[in-house]
């Protein structure tokens, strides 16, 4: 059985020689590596780097919307609602044919940058849509407010 292990390529010096190694992203990944035998062959799939600033921007957006509405009490509930309404879902068909949808993860492990970009655009479009949480809000005004909240420079 194969398991995905996530890591980051770093440069290190071993016996005076510069080498590139893969550093596990978290304790779970480290545990999977620790359980491997020497000479285990791995297959590596490169993913594009995710933007930490953009991830912070999403949670800044969520917190800004949370403070200006009364439907949701937690940022996690609001985030899940926005994921569902913007189509960032995983669907399952039950035995009786009913389809159930769950919000997909936006964690760095589960979502690459291109997927996150598309999700973020859909999330913002939903928030400012007529059926959204801030209907009529202009996109650039909303983004500038989010940028102010997270402390990055606004755009015109």
C-alpha atoms as a PDB file:
ATOM      1  CA  UNK A   1       0.000   0.000   0.000  1.00  0.00           C
ATOM      2  CA  UNK A   2       1.329   3.456  -0.864  1.00  0.00           C
ATOM      3  CA  UNK A   3       0.924   6.591   1.211  1.00  0.00           C
ATOM      4  CA  UNK A   4       1.592  10.151   0.157  1.00  0.00           C
ATOM      5  CA  UNK A   5       4.436  11.817   1.990  1.00  0.00           C
ATOM      6  CA  UNK A   6       4.825  15.562   1.747  1.00  0.00           C
ATOM      7  CA  UNK A   7       8.168  17.253   2.033  1.00  0.00           C
ATOM      8  CA  UNK A   8      10.169  20.268   1.020  1.00  0.00           C
ATOM      9  CA  UNK A   9      13.512  20.167  -0.813  1.00  0.00           C
ATOM     10  CA  UNK A  10      16.212  21.831   1.255  1.00  0.00           C
ATOM     11  CA  UNK A  11      19.956  22.114   0.820  1.00  0.00           C
ATOM     12  CA  UNK A  12      22.229  20.726   3.505  1.00  0.00           C
ATOM     13  CA  UNK A  13      25.890  19.953   3.951  1.00  0.00           C
ATOM     14  CA  UNK A  14      26.936  16.355   4.591  1.00  0.00           C
ATOM     15  CA  UNK A  15      30.652  15.625   5.109  1.00  0.00           C
ATOM     16  CA  UNK A  16      31.544  18.917   3.450  1.00  0.00           C
ATOM     17  CA  UNK A  17      29.401  18.219   0.379  1.00  0.00           C
ATOM     18  CA  UNK A  18      26.295  20.233  -0.435  1.00  0.00           C
ATOM     19  CA  UNK A  19      23.314  17.909  -1.017  1.00  0.00           C
ATOM     20  CA  UNK A  20      19.599  18.391  -1.538  1.00  0.00           C
ATOM     21  CA  UNK A  21      17.346  16.423   0.772  1.00  0.00           C
ATOM     22  CA  UNK A  22      13.609  16.168   1.272  1.00  0.00           C
ATOM     23  CA  UNK A  23      12.507  17.438   4.681  1.00  0.00           C
ATOM     24  CA  UNK A  24       9.118  16.074   5.838  1.00  0.00           C
ATOM     25  CA  UNK A  25       6.445  18.750   6.262  1.00  0.00           C
ATOM     26  CA  UNK A  26       5.090  17.431   9.531  1.00  0.00           C
ATOM     27  CA  UNK A  27       5.335  14.693  12.173  1.00  0.00           C
ATOM     28  CA  UNK A  28       3.032  12.352  10.227  1.00  0.00           C
ATOM     29  CA  UNK A  29       5.272  12.541   7.165  1.00  0.00           C
ATOM     30  CA  UNK A  30       8.347  12.038   9.363  1.00  0.00           C
ATOM     31  CA  UNK A  31       6.734   8.990  10.941  1.00  0.00           C
ATOM     32  CA  UNK A  32       6.033   7.463   7.519  1.00  0.00           C
ATOM     33  CA  UNK A  33       9.672   7.994   6.506  1.00  0.00           C
ATOM     34  CA  UNK A  34      10.945   6.572   9.799  1.00  0.00           C
ATOM     35  CA  UNK A  35       8.967   3.417   9.106  1.00  0.00           C
ATOM     36  CA  UNK A  36      10.705   2.796   5.768  1.00  0.00           C
ATOM     37  CA  UNK A  37      13.465   0.308   5.203  1.00  0.00           C
ATOM     38  CA  UNK A  38      16.822   1.468   3.867  1.00  0.00           C
ATOM     39  CA  UNK A  39      16.865   1.273   0.045  1.00  0.00           C
ATOM     40  CA  UNK A  40      13.120   1.915  -0.201  1.00  0.00           C
ATOM     41  CA  UNK A  41      12.389   3.361  -3.649  1.00  0.00           C
ATOM     42  CA  UNK A  42      10.209   6.448  -3.705  1.00  0.00           C
ATOM     43  CA  UNK A  43       8.288   8.165  -6.468  1.00  0.00           C
ATOM     44  CA  UNK A  44       8.212  11.967  -6.221  1.00  0.00           C
ATOM     45  CA  UNK A  45       5.579  14.251  -7.697  1.00  0.00           C
ATOM     46  CA  UNK A  46       6.450  17.958  -7.733  1.00  0.00           C
ATOM     47  CA  UNK A  47       3.704  20.371  -6.770  1.00  0.00           C
ATOM     48  CA  UNK A  48       3.791  24.099  -7.174  1.00  0.00           C
ATOM     49  CA  UNK A  49       4.526  26.036  -4.027  1.00  0.00           C
ATOM     50  CA  UNK A  50       1.520  27.480  -2.224  1.00  0.00           C
ATOM     51  CA  UNK A  51       1.413  31.123  -1.233  1.00  0.00           C
ATOM     52  CA  UNK A  52       1.322  31.566   2.528  1.00  0.00           C
ATOM     53  CA  UNK A  53       0.251  35.194   2.031  1.00  0.00           C
ATOM     54  CA  UNK A  54      -2.691  34.116  -0.101  1.00  0.00           C
ATOM     55  CA  UNK A  55      -3.689  31.523   2.510  1.00  0.00           C
ATOM     56  CA  UNK A  56      -3.558  34.266   5.176  1.00  0.00           C
ATOM     57  CA  UNK A  57      -5.627  36.434   2.856  1.00  0.00           C
ATOM     58  CA  UNK A  58      -8.343  33.761   2.688  1.00  0.00           C
ATOM     59  CA  UNK A  59      -8.567  33.497   6.483  1.00  0.00           C
ATOM     60  CA  UNK A  60      -8.493  37.300   6.739  1.00  0.00           C
ATOM     61  CA  UNK A  61     -11.428  37.364   4.313  1.00  0.00           C
ATOM     62  CA  UNK A  62     -13.278  34.757   6.372  1.00  0.00           C
ATOM     63  CA  UNK A  63     -12.725  36.688   9.610  1.00  0.00           C
ATOM     64  CA  UNK A  64     -13.776  39.985   8.005  1.00  0.00           C
ATOM     65  CA  UNK A  65     -16.996  38.437   6.681  1.00  0.00           C
ATOM     66  CA  UNK A  66     -17.583  36.677  10.026  1.00  0.00           C
ATOM     67  CA  UNK A  67     -17.458  40.013  11.873  1.00  0.00           C
ATOM     68  CA  UNK A  68     -20.023  41.515   9.488  1.00  0.00           C
ATOM     69  CA  UNK A  69     -22.742  38.869   9.489  1.00  0.00           C
ATOM     70  CA  UNK A  70     -24.882  37.046  12.054  1.00  0.00           C
ATOM     71  CA  UNK A  71     -25.524  33.660  10.419  1.00  0.00           C
ATOM     72  CA  UNK A  72     -22.318  31.924  11.559  1.00  0.00           C
ATOM     73  CA  UNK A  73     -20.548  31.849  14.912  1.00  0.00           C
ATOM     74  CA  UNK A  74     -17.176  30.433  13.870  1.00  0.00           C
ATOM     75  CA  UNK A  75     -14.714  31.022  11.061  1.00  0.00           C
ATOM     76  CA  UNK A  76     -14.607  27.269  10.384  1.00  0.00           C
ATOM     77  CA  UNK A  77     -18.398  27.071   9.903  1.00  0.00           C
ATOM     78  CA  UNK A  78     -18.348  30.124   7.640  1.00  0.00           C
ATOM     79  CA  UNK A  79     -15.436  28.717   5.637  1.00  0.00           C
ATOM     80  CA  UNK A  80     -17.254  25.409   5.164  1.00  0.00           C
ATOM     81  CA  UNK A  81     -20.408  27.241   4.039  1.00  0.00           C
ATOM     82  CA  UNK A  82     -18.417  29.266   1.497  1.00  0.00           C
ATOM     83  CA  UNK A  83     -16.674  26.110   0.248  1.00  0.00           C
ATOM     84  CA  UNK A  84     -20.047  24.414  -0.246  1.00  0.00           C
ATOM     85  CA  UNK A  85     -21.645  27.432  -1.946  1.00  0.00           C
ATOM     86  CA  UNK A  86     -18.660  28.008  -4.236  1.00  0.00           C
ATOM     87  CA  UNK A  87     -18.497  24.358  -5.326  1.00  0.00           C
ATOM     88  CA  UNK A  88     -15.304  23.389  -3.486  1.00  0.00           C
ATOM     89  CA  UNK A  89     -16.792  20.035  -2.527  1.00  0.00           C
ATOM     90  CA  UNK A  90     -16.324  16.313  -2.592  1.00  0.00           C
ATOM     91  CA  UNK A  91     -19.488  14.414  -3.504  1.00  0.00           C
ATOM     92  CA  UNK A  92     -20.551  10.937  -2.415  1.00  0.00           C
ATOM     93  CA  UNK A  93     -23.507   8.914  -3.632  1.00  0.00           C
ATOM     94  CA  UNK A  94     -25.357   7.013  -0.920  1.00  0.00           C
ATOM     95  CA  UNK A  95     -26.915   3.598  -1.471  1.00  0.00           C
ATOM     96  CA  UNK A  96     -30.327   5.152  -2.071  1.00  0.00           C
ATOM     97  CA  UNK A  97     -28.945   7.469  -4.757  1.00  0.00           C
ATOM     98  CA  UNK A  98     -28.832  10.555  -2.549  1.00  0.00           C
ATOM     99  CA  UNK A  99     -25.752  12.688  -3.201  1.00  0.00           C
ATOM    100  CA  UNK A 100     -24.037  14.170  -0.162  1.00  0.00           C
ATOM    101  CA  UNK A 101     -21.436  16.921  -0.480  1.00  0.00           C
ATOM    102  CA  UNK A 102     -18.661  17.747   1.956  1.00  0.00           C
ATOM    103  CA  UNK A 103     -16.346  20.773   1.838  1.00  0.00           C
ATOM    104  CA  UNK A 104     -12.908  19.958   0.428  1.00  0.00           C
ATOM    105  CA  UNK A 105      -9.796  20.817   2.361  1.00  0.00           C
ATOM    106  CA  UNK A 106      -7.720  23.857   1.417  1.00  0.00           C
ATOM    107  CA  UNK A 107      -4.725  22.706   3.435  1.00  0.00           C
ATOM    108  CA  UNK A 108      -1.312  22.973   1.828  1.00  0.00           C
ATOM    109  CA  UNK A 109      -1.229  19.183   1.538  1.00  0.00           C
ATOM    110  CA  UNK A 110      -4.594  18.846  -0.133  1.00  0.00           C
ATOM    111  CA  UNK A 111      -4.749  21.809  -2.509  1.00  0.00           C
ATOM    112  CA  UNK A 112      -2.135  23.012  -4.987  1.00  0.00           C
ATOM    113  CA  UNK A 113      -1.731  26.715  -5.842  1.00  0.00           C
ATOM    114  CA  UNK A 114      -3.745  26.574  -9.070  1.00  0.00           C
ATOM    115  CA  UNK A 115      -6.630  24.832  -7.306  1.00  0.00           C
ATOM    116  CA  UNK A 116      -6.482  27.297  -4.431  1.00  0.00           C
ATOM    117  CA  UNK A 117      -6.475  30.279  -6.844  1.00  0.00           C
ATOM    118  CA  UNK A 118      -9.592  28.972  -8.576  1.00  0.00           C
ATOM    119  CA  UNK A 119     -11.310  28.296  -5.243  1.00  0.00           C
ATOM    120  CA  UNK A 120     -10.444  31.741  -3.850  1.00  0.00           C
ATOM    121  CA  UNK A 121     -11.836  33.460  -6.959  1.00  0.00           C
ATOM    122  CA  UNK A 122     -15.080  31.465  -6.702  1.00  0.00           C
ATOM    123  CA  UNK A 123     -15.310  32.144  -2.946  1.00  0.00           C
ATOM    124  CA  UNK A 124     -14.953  35.903  -3.420  1.00  0.00           C
ATOM    125  CA  UNK A 125     -17.415  35.855  -6.331  1.00  0.00           C
ATOM    126  CA  UNK A 126     -19.947  34.027  -4.131  1.00  0.00           C
ATOM    127  CA  UNK A 127     -19.481  36.392  -1.169  1.00  0.00           C
ATOM    128  CA  UNK A 128     -20.262  39.473  -3.301  1.00  0.00           C
ATOM    129  CA  UNK A 129     -22.949  37.784  -5.445  1.00  0.00           C
ATOM    130  CA  UNK A 130     -26.669  38.622  -5.075  1.00  0.00           C
ATOM    131  CA  UNK A 131     -27.123  35.410  -3.032  1.00  0.00           C
ATOM    132  CA  UNK A 132     -23.869  35.857  -1.148  1.00  0.00           C
ATOM    133  CA  UNK A 133     -23.044  37.252   2.264  1.00  0.00           C
ATOM    134  CA  UNK A 134     -22.119  40.759   1.020  1.00  0.00           C
ATOM    135  CA  UNK A 135     -24.215  41.295  -2.119  1.00  0.00           C
ATOM    136  CA  UNK A 136     -23.197  44.322  -4.108  1.00  0.00           C
ATOM    137  CA  UNK A 137     -19.797  44.741  -2.441  1.00  0.00           C
ATOM    138  CA  UNK A 138     -17.187  45.640  -5.045  1.00  0.00           C
ATOM    139  CA  UNK A 139     -14.429  43.067  -5.376  1.00  0.00           C
ATOM    140  CA  UNK A 140     -11.541  45.538  -5.163  1.00  0.00           C
ATOM    141  CA  UNK A 141     -13.082  47.233  -2.090  1.00  0.00           C
ATOM    142  CA  UNK A 142     -13.452  43.862  -0.362  1.00  0.00           C
ATOM    143  CA  UNK A 143      -9.903  42.827  -1.238  1.00  0.00           C
ATOM    144  CA  UNK A 144      -8.482  46.137  -0.019  1.00  0.00           C
ATOM    145  CA  UNK A 145     -10.274  45.674   3.316  1.00  0.00           C
ATOM    146  CA  UNK A 146      -8.839  42.162   3.601  1.00  0.00           C
ATOM    147  CA  UNK A 147      -5.354  43.436   2.749  1.00  0.00           C
ATOM    148  CA  UNK A 148      -5.663  46.038   5.492  1.00  0.00           C
ATOM    149  CA  UNK A 149      -6.727  43.367   7.997  1.00  0.00           C
ATOM    150  CA  UNK A 150      -3.731  41.145   7.233  1.00  0.00           C
ATOM    151  CA  UNK A 151      -1.297  44.040   6.827  1.00  0.00           C
ATOM    152  CA  UNK A 152      -0.315  43.965   3.164  1.00  0.00           C
ATOM    153  CA  UNK A 153      -0.288  46.800   0.639  1.00  0.00           C
ATOM    154  CA  UNK A 154      -3.553  47.646  -1.113  1.00  0.00           C
ATOM    155  CA  UNK A 155      -4.000  47.869  -4.843  1.00  0.00           C
ATOM    156  CA  UNK A 156      -5.897  50.542  -6.814  1.00  0.00           C
END
